[in-house]
Amino acid sequence: MSPEEVGNAPAKPLISVCVPMYNNSTTIERCLRSVLDQDGVEFEIVVVDDESTDNGAAIVEAMLRAGDRLARNDSRLGLNENHNKCLELARGAYIQFVHGDDWLLPGALKTLGRCFDDPAVGLAFAPRRVLNDNVPPGFRKRTPEKLHIYFWKLEEYNHGPFLVAQVVGLLGASANFIGEPTSVMFRRQLALDAGGLRDDVYQAVDLDFWLRLMLRCAVCFVPQELSVRHHTAGTETSRIIQNRQHWLDQLRILTWMIVDPSSTTVIRSVARVWWPVAWLTLLVGAAVSRRERRSRLKTLLMAPVREFARARQFRDGLLPASM
């Protein structure tokens, strides 16, 4: 598909479709075609290639319209910082991430974009279809088809902190009821004000991000599938789980729910109840494990001090200088 066949990207797009790419040469054409086929709304495409070793960048260059952009990182940023690079380069008021192995269903951008006609809405999400490809059975159990059903009360228009309280209260912020980035659209400025994606949360980085955004806005839920999540054994998420990089994710999210200045009294109180439960669970697990026992026990014993210091440092970076 040549640029002439698909037209030009608008000079001032309403939506930035951001594709953080790493070695997605086998799926990136399907991904971009699903974006280019969107209609009824002005959007740009921003692809940020995180030093891939395949020919994905060449495929992207052949497909992008005039005005769309492909950026290549000089050195590997990693999953979280590559998303933040997308946020930095985007020009649209609203952000739609689409991972290189996922794709959008027809009408996704137009449907989610309508939600932001209400200025109070900062985040909109919809169910996604899940396609598993050579994924171990244990990993499939962690990625159910319907995530939103775990909210005990979910409307098409929701008070964000009310949804956050449900996520924190039900399972201690250990489960994502929203979905992966391809199923969510949000305001760019809201994301920048909230600090973007954190670099110390791994497998649950999207959950942490959604919670921080929802604390600060109203949330729109669209009850129809608008994207497809393609899970494969070779994804970055699979590698994170296999390497157990994410072992402190829940504790760090709970810590932030206590420290975040936008948290309500209810959210802080519930997070304070869950924090020692999560900490003790990790402590027992580290004590009986043979893997990195000493280092993990040391980390956990220091966690009540270090994790809150880390969270306060992140918080202070978000506050205006005058505060």
Protein backbone atom coordinates (compact mmCIF):
# COMPACT_ATOMS: atom_id res chain seq x y z
CA MET A 1 0.00 0.00 0.00
CA SER A 2 1.57 3.28 -1.09
CA PRO A 3 1.12 6.66 0.63
CA GLU A 4 -0.90 7.85 -2.40
CA GLU A 5 -3.43 5.05 -1.90
CA VAL A 6 -4.16 5.89 1.72
CA GLY A 7 -3.92 9.71 1.60
CA ASN A 8 -2.14 12.03 4.01
CA ALA A 9 -2.16 12.32 7.78
CA PRO A 10 -3.83 15.54 9.03
CA ALA A 11 -1.56 18.41 10.05
CA LYS A 12 -3.38 18.72 13.38
CA PRO A 13 -4.71 15.24 14.17
CA LEU A 14 -7.38 14.67 16.78
CA ILE A 15 -5.96 11.24 17.64
CA SER A 16 -2.41 9.95 17.65
CA VAL A 17 -2.25 6.21 17.03
CA CYS A 18 1.02 5.23 18.67
CA VAL A 19 2.73 1.97 17.80
CA PRO A 20 5.67 1.07 20.08
CA MET A 21 7.43 -1.51 17.92
CA TYR A 22 10.09 -4.10 18.67
CA ASN A 23 10.75 -6.99 16.27
CA ASN A 24 7.18 -7.08 14.96
CA SER A 25 7.99 -7.67 11.30
CA THR A 26 5.63 -10.65 11.01
CA THR A 27 2.59 -8.76 12.35
CA ILE A 28 3.17 -5.04 11.77
CA GLU A 29 1.52 -4.96 8.34
CA ARG A 30 -1.71 -6.40 9.76
CA CYS A 31 -1.54 -3.92 12.62
CA LEU A 32 -1.05 -0.86 10.40
CA ARG A 33 -3.67 -1.93 7.86
CA SER A 34 -6.23 -2.08 10.66
CA VAL A 35 -5.33 1.51 11.58
CA LEU A 36 -5.26 2.85 8.02
CA ASP A 37 -8.71 1.35 7.42
CA GLN A 38 -10.22 3.45 10.23
CA ASP A 39 -12.56 6.20 8.99
CA GLY A 40 -14.73 9.01 10.29
CA VAL A 41 -12.01 10.66 12.38
CA GLU A 42 -8.70 12.44 11.78
CA PHE A 43 -5.64 10.64 13.09
CA GLU A 44 -1.91 10.35 12.67
CA ILE A 45 0.26 7.26 13.09
CA VAL A 46 3.44 7.44 15.14
CA VAL A 47 5.63 4.32 15.11
CA VAL A 48 8.60 4.22 17.47
CA ASP A 49 10.98 1.37 16.69
CA ASP A 50 12.97 0.33 19.75
CA GLU A 51 16.15 -0.77 17.93
CA SER A 52 14.56 -3.81 16.29
CA THR A 53 16.78 -6.37 14.61
CA ASP A 54 14.27 -7.40 11.94
CA ASN A 55 12.94 -5.61 8.83
CA GLY A 56 9.83 -4.19 10.50
CA ALA A 57 10.93 -0.59 9.95
CA ALA A 58 11.11 -1.11 6.18
CA ILE A 59 7.56 -2.49 6.16
CA VAL A 60 6.37 0.52 8.15
CA GLU A 61 8.07 3.02 5.84
CA ALA A 62 6.29 1.51 2.85
CA MET A 63 2.87 1.82 4.50
CA LEU A 64 2.81 5.16 6.29
CA ARG A 65 1.05 8.16 4.77
CA ALA A 66 2.66 11.55 4.27
CA GLY A 67 2.58 13.18 7.70
CA ASP A 68 2.75 9.91 9.63
CA ARG A 69 6.06 9.28 11.35
CA LEU A 70 8.53 6.51 12.03
CA ALA A 71 11.09 7.21 14.75
CA ARG A 72 14.00 4.89 15.49
CA ASN A 73 15.65 4.82 18.89
CA ASP A 74 19.44 5.03 18.84
CA SER A 75 19.60 2.63 21.78
CA ARG A 76 17.08 0.24 23.32
CA LEU A 77 14.66 2.02 25.68
CA GLY A 78 12.61 -0.98 26.75
CA LEU A 79 8.85 -1.45 26.74
CA ASN A 80 7.81 1.26 29.21
CA GLU A 81 10.09 4.05 28.04
CA ASN A 82 9.27 3.32 24.41
CA HIS A 83 5.61 4.00 25.23
CA ASN A 84 6.67 7.26 26.86
CA LYS A 85 8.64 8.18 23.74
CA CYS A 86 5.41 7.72 21.78
CA LEU A 87 3.62 10.11 24.15
CA GLU A 88 6.40 12.64 23.72
CA LEU A 89 6.24 12.57 19.90
CA ALA A 90 2.44 12.48 19.54
CA ARG A 91 0.61 15.60 18.34
CA GLY A 92 -2.99 14.49 18.87
CA ALA A 93 -5.18 15.40 21.82
CA TYR A 94 -6.02 11.73 22.36
CA ILE A 95 -3.74 8.70 22.38
CA GLN A 96 -4.54 5.24 21.08
CA PHE A 97 -1.73 2.75 21.57
CA VAL A 98 -1.75 -0.20 19.20
CA HIS A 99 0.91 -2.82 19.87
CA GLY A 100 2.62 -4.22 16.81
CA ASP A 101 1.10 -7.68 17.21
CA ASP A 102 -2.44 -6.40 17.94
CA TRP A 103 -4.96 -4.73 15.65
CA LEU A 104 -8.05 -2.52 15.70
CA LEU A 105 -11.51 -3.58 14.57
CA PRO A 106 -13.50 -1.34 12.17
CA GLY A 107 -14.78 1.87 13.73
CA ALA A 108 -12.60 1.65 16.83
CA LEU A 109 -11.10 5.15 16.65
CA LYS A 110 -14.36 6.87 15.79
CA THR A 111 -16.29 5.03 18.50
CA LEU A 112 -13.81 5.66 21.30
CA GLY A 113 -13.12 9.20 20.10
CA ARG A 114 -16.78 10.17 20.59
CA CYS A 115 -16.44 9.57 24.32
CA PHE A 116 -14.23 12.66 24.65
CA ASP A 117 -16.97 15.04 23.55
CA ASP A 118 -17.52 15.21 27.31
CA PRO A 119 -14.56 17.24 28.65
CA ALA A 120 -14.67 15.37 31.97
CA VAL A 121 -13.81 12.06 30.28
CA GLY A 122 -10.09 11.34 30.31
CA LEU A 123 -10.08 7.62 29.47
CA ALA A 124 -12.30 5.37 27.38
CA PHE A 125 -12.07 1.61 27.01
CA ALA A 126 -13.83 -1.31 25.39
CA PRO A 127 -13.66 -5.12 25.51
CA ARG A 128 -11.13 -6.80 23.28
CA ARG A 129 -11.00 -10.13 21.52
CA VAL A 130 -8.13 -12.39 22.61
CA LEU A 131 -6.21 -14.57 20.17
CA ASN A 132 -3.73 -16.99 21.76
CA ASP A 133 -0.92 -18.32 19.60
CA ASN A 134 1.49 -20.89 21.08
CA VAL A 135 0.92 -19.49 24.55
CA PRO A 136 1.44 -21.79 27.57
CA PRO A 137 -1.86 -22.78 29.29
CA GLY A 138 -0.86 -21.03 32.53
CA PHE A 139 -0.44 -17.73 30.71
CA ARG A 140 -3.85 -18.10 29.03
CA LYS A 141 -5.51 -18.22 32.43
CA ARG A 142 -4.05 -14.80 33.20
CA THR A 143 -5.59 -13.29 30.06
CA PRO A 144 -9.36 -13.93 30.17
CA GLU A 145 -11.54 -12.77 27.30
CA LYS A 146 -13.79 -10.51 29.39
CA LEU A 147 -12.06 -8.30 31.92
CA HIS A 148 -14.71 -5.66 32.60
CA ILE A 149 -17.11 -8.21 34.13
CA TYR A 150 -15.04 -8.14 37.33
CA PHE A 151 -16.25 -4.62 38.07
CA TRP A 152 -19.23 -5.02 40.38
CA LYS A 153 -20.68 -1.83 38.97
CA LEU A 154 -19.73 -0.48 35.55
CA GLU A 155 -21.77 1.99 33.48
CA GLU A 156 -21.11 3.65 30.15
CA TYR A 157 -20.14 6.78 32.13
CA ASN A 158 -18.22 6.31 35.38
CA HIS A 159 -16.53 8.32 38.10
CA GLY A 160 -12.90 7.25 37.73
CA PRO A 161 -11.99 7.00 41.44
CA PHE A 162 -15.05 4.78 41.98
CA LEU A 163 -13.65 2.27 39.47
CA VAL A 164 -10.21 2.52 41.04
CA ALA A 165 -11.71 1.72 44.45
CA GLN A 166 -13.22 -1.44 42.97
CA VAL A 167 -9.90 -2.58 41.45
CA VAL A 168 -8.00 -1.91 44.66
CA GLY A 169 -10.68 -3.28 46.96
CA LEU A 170 -11.54 -6.55 45.23
CA LEU A 171 -8.08 -8.07 44.65
CA GLY A 172 -5.68 -5.51 46.04
CA ALA A 173 -4.84 -4.00 42.63
CA SER A 174 -3.49 -7.34 41.41
CA ALA A 175 -5.75 -7.69 38.36
CA ASN A 176 -6.37 -5.52 35.31
CA PHE A 177 -10.12 -5.04 34.75
CA ILE A 178 -9.55 -2.55 31.90
CA GLY A 179 -7.39 -4.32 29.34
CA GLU A 180 -4.16 -3.92 27.43
CA PRO A 181 -3.20 -0.60 25.76
CA THR A 182 -4.82 -1.45 22.42
CA SER A 183 -8.26 -1.47 24.08
CA VAL A 184 -7.90 1.99 25.66
CA MET A 185 -7.91 5.62 24.47
CA PHE A 186 -6.97 8.53 26.73
CA ARG A 187 -6.13 12.23 26.77
CA ARG A 188 -2.47 12.91 26.08
CA GLN A 189 -2.19 15.83 28.49
CA LEU A 190 -3.73 13.78 31.29
CA ALA A 191 -1.11 11.08 30.71
CA LEU A 192 1.71 13.62 30.78
CA ASP A 193 0.37 15.20 33.97
CA ALA A 194 0.23 11.73 35.58
CA GLY A 195 3.88 11.05 34.73
CA GLY A 196 3.49 8.58 31.87
CA LEU A 197 4.41 4.92 32.33
CA ARG A 198 6.61 4.14 35.31
CA ASP A 199 9.96 2.40 34.85
CA ASP A 200 9.72 0.31 38.05
CA VAL A 201 6.48 -1.57 37.29
CA TYR A 202 6.72 -4.33 34.70
CA GLN A 203 3.97 -6.82 33.89
CA ALA A 204 1.27 -4.64 35.49
CA VAL A 205 2.55 -1.36 34.06
CA ASP A 206 -0.65 -0.79 32.09
CA LEU A 207 -2.81 -1.39 35.19
CA ASP A 208 -0.70 1.08 37.18
CA PHE A 209 -1.07 3.62 34.37
CA TRP A 210 -4.85 3.19 34.06
CA LEU A 211 -5.34 3.58 37.82
CA ARG A 212 -3.34 6.81 37.90
CA LEU A 213 -5.33 8.20 34.97
CA MET A 214 -8.71 7.13 36.35
CA LEU A 215 -8.01 8.81 39.68
CA ARG A 216 -8.00 12.07 37.74
CA CYS A 217 -10.96 11.81 35.37
CA ALA A 218 -14.30 10.35 34.38
CA VAL A 219 -14.17 7.07 32.45
CA CYS A 220 -16.27 5.96 29.49
CA PHE A 221 -16.95 2.27 28.83
CA VAL A 222 -18.04 1.16 25.33
CA PRO A 223 -19.71 -2.28 25.54
CA GLN A 224 -18.49 -3.68 22.20
CA GLU A 225 -15.26 -5.31 21.04
CA LEU A 226 -13.08 -2.79 19.24
CA SER A 227 -9.66 -4.48 19.12
CA VAL A 228 -7.88 -7.81 19.03
CA ARG A 229 -5.14 -8.75 21.50
CA HIS A 230 -2.74 -11.28 19.99
CA HIS A 231 -0.88 -13.21 22.67
CA THR A 232 2.21 -15.16 21.66
CA ALA A 233 4.89 -16.93 23.66
CA GLY A 234 7.53 -14.48 22.44
CA THR A 235 6.00 -11.23 23.70
CA GLU A 236 7.78 -8.93 26.12
CA THR A 237 5.06 -9.64 28.71
CA SER A 238 5.76 -13.38 28.49
CA ARG A 239 9.47 -12.75 29.01
CA ILE A 240 8.81 -10.53 32.02
CA ILE A 241 6.66 -13.23 33.63
CA GLN A 242 9.20 -15.95 32.92
CA ASN A 243 11.99 -13.85 34.44
CA ARG A 244 9.80 -12.79 37.38
CA GLN A 245 10.71 -9.13 36.95
CA HIS A 246 7.21 -8.22 38.04
CA TRP A 247 7.37 -9.65 41.55
CA LEU A 248 7.04 -6.22 43.24
CA ASP A 249 4.40 -4.80 40.89
CA GLN A 250 1.41 -5.18 43.20
CA LEU A 251 3.25 -3.76 46.19
CA ARG A 252 4.37 -0.73 44.18
CA ILE A 253 0.89 -0.06 42.85
CA LEU A 254 -0.60 -0.25 46.35
CA THR A 255 2.12 2.06 47.64
CA TRP A 256 1.23 4.58 44.96
CA MET A 257 -2.47 4.36 45.77
CA ILE A 258 -1.58 5.41 49.32
CA VAL A 259 0.77 8.21 48.24
CA ASP A 260 -1.02 9.61 45.16
CA PRO A 261 -2.46 13.05 45.99
CA SER A 262 -5.50 12.26 43.83
CA SER A 263 -6.43 9.13 45.82
CA THR A 264 -9.61 9.36 47.86
CA THR A 265 -9.77 8.53 51.55
CA VAL A 266 -11.51 5.25 50.72
CA ILE A 267 -8.83 4.21 48.21
CA ARG A 268 -6.01 5.04 50.62
CA SER A 269 -7.70 3.13 53.43
CA VAL A 270 -8.29 0.02 51.32
CA ALA A 271 -4.74 0.13 49.94
CA ARG A 272 -3.38 0.36 53.50
CA VAL A 273 -5.29 -2.84 54.36
CA TRP A 274 -3.99 -4.68 51.31
CA TRP A 275 -0.37 -3.47 51.58
CA PRO A 276 0.69 -5.67 54.55
CA VAL A 277 -1.20 -8.62 53.04
CA ALA A 278 0.73 -8.31 49.77
CA TRP A 279 4.01 -7.71 51.64
CA LEU A 280 3.60 -10.73 53.93
CA THR A 281 2.64 -12.93 50.98
CA LEU A 282 5.82 -11.92 49.18
CA LEU A 283 7.86 -12.37 52.33
CA VAL A 284 6.62 -15.93 52.87
CA GLY A 285 7.14 -16.74 49.19
CA ALA A 286 10.71 -15.44 49.30
CA ALA A 287 11.45 -17.38 52.50
CA VAL A 288 10.41 -20.73 51.04
CA SER A 289 11.88 -20.12 47.59
CA ARG A 290 15.36 -21.20 46.55
CA ARG A 291 15.58 -18.54 43.90
CA GLU A 292 17.29 -15.30 44.99
CA ARG A 293 16.09 -15.92 48.55
CA ARG A 294 18.61 -13.72 50.34
CA SER A 295 18.35 -10.72 48.01
CA ARG A 296 14.56 -10.82 47.94
CA LEU A 297 14.25 -11.10 51.70
CA LYS A 298 16.58 -8.13 52.07
CA THR A 299 14.55 -6.14 49.52
CA LEU A 300 11.27 -6.93 51.28
CA LEU A 301 12.56 -6.11 54.75
CA MET A 302 13.52 -2.66 53.44
CA ALA A 303 10.32 -2.25 51.41
CA PRO A 304 8.27 -0.37 54.06
CA VAL A 305 10.86 2.40 53.88
CA ARG A 306 12.24 2.22 50.36
CA GLU A 307 9.00 1.70 48.43
CA PHE A 308 7.29 4.68 50.05
CA ALA A 309 10.39 6.82 49.51
CA ARG A 310 10.40 5.77 45.84
CA ALA A 311 6.70 6.60 45.48
CA ARG A 312 7.09 10.00 47.15
CA GLN A 313 9.98 10.83 44.83
CA PHE A 314 7.80 10.00 41.81
CA ARG A 315 4.93 12.05 43.32
CA ASP A 316 7.16 15.07 43.94
CA GLY A 317 8.17 14.99 40.30
CA LEU A 318 4.53 15.45 39.30
CA LEU A 319 3.73 18.38 41.58
CA PRO A 320 4.01 21.97 40.31
CA ALA A 321 7.13 23.75 41.50
CA SER A 322 5.04 26.20 43.53
CA MET A 323 3.56 23.45 45.69
